Amino acid sequence: MIRAFRSLAGGALALAAACAPAPGPGLDARLFDTAEAPEGAPPGTCWARAARPAMVETVTEQVLLRPETRGADGTVTVPAQFRTETRQRILREREVAWFERPCPDALTPDFAASLQRALKARGAYDGPVTGRLDAATGAALRRWQVARGGPDSPVPSRATAEALGLVALRRPAAE
């Protein structure tokens, strides 16, 4: 006889952002750890990466060692004896995805306030306009980006910033 119990272990998404200086006043510096840009990234661009943690399944089984013993009247005279066995297996490997983002010099308190207003206008943010890229803003931004196929990150992608009208669109390269 085996009794199995399953649980999935995950974690908060880890992230690291690329492109030199730390964010200026009004920005949560924890969101902008420095990292390398992906191979082949154009010079002068800034990047971030969002890591999706591995998904690990933990299975705990109760293995029957000795069944219960019952008396002639049906009462249990000796209870069953079990051994607990636990094992883990990886269901999904850790994944890291790079995405381009606005560079730190663009991430001013005015940018943060504009981001908050843009998300508020779209019903994605209900907090105050503080001009800070804080946890509430990051959570709203993460939800908004993921819903549109963007990165699962509290760091704004360049595509998101362009879509919200927060940074200038790039001109197509001359042919």
Protein backbone atom coordinates (compact mmCIF):
# COMPACT_ATOMS: atom_id res chain seq x y z
CA MET A 1 0.00 0.00 0.00
CA ILE A 2 1.39 3.42 -0.98
CA ARG A 3 -0.01 6.85 -0.10
CA ALA A 4 1.44 9.64 -2.23
CA PHE A 5 1.43 13.38 -1.55
CA ARG A 6 2.65 15.85 -4.18
CA SER A 7 3.73 19.47 -3.93
CA LEU A 8 5.26 21.85 -6.44
CA ALA A 9 8.10 24.09 -5.38
CA GLY A 10 8.76 27.28 -7.27
CA GLY A 11 10.12 30.62 -6.37
CA ALA A 12 9.81 34.22 -7.05
CA LEU A 13 11.19 35.18 -10.38
CA ALA A 14 14.73 36.33 -10.15
CA LEU A 15 15.87 39.10 -12.38
CA ALA A 16 18.95 41.04 -13.25
CA ALA A 17 19.19 44.14 -15.40
CA ALA A 18 22.01 45.23 -17.65
CA CYS A 19 23.55 48.62 -18.40
CA ALA A 20 25.90 50.40 -16.09
CA PRO A 21 24.84 53.07 -13.59
CA ALA A 22 22.44 52.50 -10.76
CA PRO A 23 19.02 54.13 -11.05
CA GLY A 24 18.64 57.72 -9.94
CA PRO A 25 16.56 59.21 -7.14
CA GLY A 26 13.03 57.90 -6.83
CA LEU A 27 13.86 54.45 -8.19
CA ASP A 28 14.07 51.17 -6.30
CA ALA A 29 17.72 50.14 -6.85
CA ARG A 30 16.94 46.48 -6.09
CA LEU A 31 15.30 46.22 -9.51
CA PHE A 32 18.44 47.21 -11.36
CA ASP A 33 21.33 44.88 -10.57
CA THR A 34 24.03 45.13 -13.22
CA ALA A 35 24.60 42.23 -15.58
CA GLU A 36 26.05 41.57 -19.00
CA ALA A 37 24.09 42.16 -22.17
CA PRO A 38 23.28 39.14 -24.33
CA GLU A 39 25.74 38.17 -27.00
CA GLY A 40 25.29 40.31 -30.12
CA ALA A 41 23.43 43.14 -28.37
CA PRO A 42 23.87 46.44 -30.23
CA PRO A 43 26.21 48.89 -28.49
CA GLY A 44 24.48 51.55 -26.40
CA THR A 45 21.46 49.37 -25.63
CA CYS A 46 20.46 48.24 -22.17
CA TRP A 47 19.14 44.82 -21.26
CA ALA A 48 17.52 42.94 -18.42
CA ARG A 49 16.86 39.30 -17.91
CA ALA A 50 14.00 37.56 -16.21
CA ALA A 51 14.64 34.09 -14.88
CA ARG A 52 11.82 31.63 -14.53
CA PRO A 53 12.76 29.22 -11.74
CA ALA A 54 12.85 25.51 -12.13
CA MET A 55 9.72 23.68 -11.08
CA VAL A 56 10.47 20.85 -8.70
CA GLU A 57 8.03 18.15 -7.66
CA THR A 58 8.44 16.63 -4.22
CA VAL A 59 6.75 13.26 -3.75
CA THR A 60 6.35 11.85 -0.28
CA GLU A 61 5.12 8.27 -0.04
CA GLN A 62 4.06 6.22 2.91
CA VAL A 63 5.20 2.66 2.16
CA LEU A 64 3.45 -0.11 4.08
CA LEU A 65 5.98 -2.22 6.00
CA ARG A 66 3.57 -4.30 8.03
CA PRO A 67 -0.23 -4.47 7.66
CA GLU A 68 -2.49 -4.10 10.66
CA THR A 69 -3.54 -7.16 12.60
CA ARG A 70 -7.18 -7.59 13.65
CA GLY A 71 -8.67 -9.71 16.33
CA ALA A 72 -11.56 -12.19 15.87
CA ASP A 73 -14.02 -9.41 16.74
CA GLY A 74 -12.58 -7.08 14.01
CA THR A 75 -10.75 -4.68 16.29
CA VAL A 76 -7.20 -3.64 15.40
CA THR A 77 -4.77 -5.39 17.71
CA VAL A 78 -1.54 -4.23 16.05
CA PRO A 79 -1.60 -1.05 13.93
CA ALA A 80 -0.05 -0.96 10.48
CA GLN A 81 3.54 0.23 10.23
CA PHE A 82 4.70 2.61 7.47
CA ARG A 83 8.01 4.06 6.26
CA THR A 84 8.15 7.56 4.75
CA GLU A 85 10.07 8.00 1.49
CA THR A 86 10.61 11.41 -0.11
CA ARG A 87 12.11 12.20 -3.50
CA GLN A 88 12.26 15.19 -5.83
CA ARG A 89 12.38 15.57 -9.58
CA ILE A 90 12.67 18.57 -11.86
CA LEU A 91 9.54 19.14 -13.93
CA ARG A 92 10.84 22.25 -15.69
CA GLU A 93 14.41 23.53 -15.91
CA ARG A 94 15.28 27.12 -15.00
CA GLU A 95 14.93 29.48 -17.97
CA VAL A 96 16.51 32.90 -18.51
CA ALA A 97 15.09 35.32 -21.08
CA TRP A 98 16.82 38.56 -22.11
CA PHE A 99 14.84 41.66 -23.08
CA GLU A 100 15.82 45.18 -24.03
CA ARG A 101 14.84 47.89 -21.57
CA PRO A 102 15.22 51.66 -21.27
CA CYS A 103 18.70 52.63 -20.05
CA PRO A 104 19.15 53.93 -16.49
CA ASP A 105 19.62 57.55 -17.60
CA ALA A 106 16.03 57.47 -18.96
CA LEU A 107 14.61 56.04 -15.72
CA THR A 108 14.03 59.35 -13.99
CA PRO A 109 11.32 60.10 -11.43
CA ASP A 110 9.40 61.76 -14.30
CA PHE A 111 9.61 58.48 -16.27
CA ALA A 112 8.35 56.56 -13.22
CA ALA A 113 5.45 58.99 -12.71
CA SER A 114 4.56 58.78 -16.43
CA LEU A 115 4.67 54.98 -16.22
CA GLN A 116 2.36 55.02 -13.20
CA ARG A 117 -0.07 57.39 -14.98
CA ALA A 118 0.01 55.27 -18.17
CA LEU A 119 -0.72 52.07 -16.23
CA LYS A 120 -3.41 53.86 -14.19
CA ALA A 121 -5.10 55.12 -17.39
CA ARG A 122 -5.23 51.51 -18.62
CA GLY A 123 -6.67 50.20 -15.34
CA ALA A 124 -3.50 48.27 -14.49
CA TYR A 125 -2.33 50.36 -11.50
CA ASP A 126 -4.45 51.77 -8.69
CA GLY A 127 -1.73 53.21 -6.47
CA PRO A 128 -0.64 56.81 -6.08
CA VAL A 129 1.54 58.55 -8.67
CA THR A 130 4.76 58.84 -6.64
CA GLY A 131 7.46 58.99 -9.31
CA ARG A 132 9.08 55.88 -7.83
CA LEU A 133 9.51 52.48 -9.43
CA ASP A 134 8.45 50.76 -6.22
CA ALA A 135 7.07 47.28 -5.55
CA ALA A 136 3.45 48.24 -6.33
CA THR A 137 4.46 49.81 -9.65
CA GLY A 138 6.66 46.81 -10.46
CA ALA A 139 3.82 44.38 -9.73
CA ALA A 140 1.38 46.32 -11.93
CA LEU A 141 3.98 46.57 -14.69
CA ARG A 142 4.72 42.84 -14.46
CA ARG A 143 1.03 41.95 -14.80
CA TRP A 144 0.56 44.38 -17.72
CA GLN A 145 3.63 43.12 -19.59
CA VAL A 146 2.83 39.42 -19.10
CA ALA A 147 -0.77 39.93 -20.27
CA ARG A 148 0.64 41.30 -23.54
CA GLY A 149 3.27 38.62 -24.08
CA GLY A 150 6.11 40.65 -22.55
CA PRO A 151 8.64 39.66 -19.92
CA ASP A 152 7.57 38.53 -16.47
CA SER A 153 9.55 41.29 -14.80
CA PRO A 154 8.99 44.45 -12.76
CA VAL A 155 11.54 46.12 -15.06
CA PRO A 156 9.94 47.85 -18.06
CA SER A 157 10.91 46.39 -21.41
CA ARG A 158 11.71 48.83 -24.19
CA ALA A 159 8.72 47.47 -26.14
CA THR A 160 6.43 48.22 -23.20
CA ALA A 161 7.89 51.72 -22.78
CA GLU A 162 7.33 52.34 -26.51
CA ALA A 163 3.77 50.97 -26.39
CA LEU A 164 2.95 53.25 -23.46
CA GLY A 165 4.49 56.25 -25.22
CA LEU A 166 7.23 56.66 -22.61
CA VAL A 167 10.26 56.47 -24.92
CA ALA A 168 10.76 57.51 -28.53
CA LEU A 169 10.22 54.88 -31.18
CA ARG A 170 13.35 53.82 -33.01
CA ARG A 171 13.61 54.78 -36.62
CA PRO A 172 14.05 51.86 -38.99
CA ALA A 173 17.64 51.34 -40.10
CA ALA A 174 18.53 52.98 -43.44
CA GLU A 175 18.81 50.49 -46.27
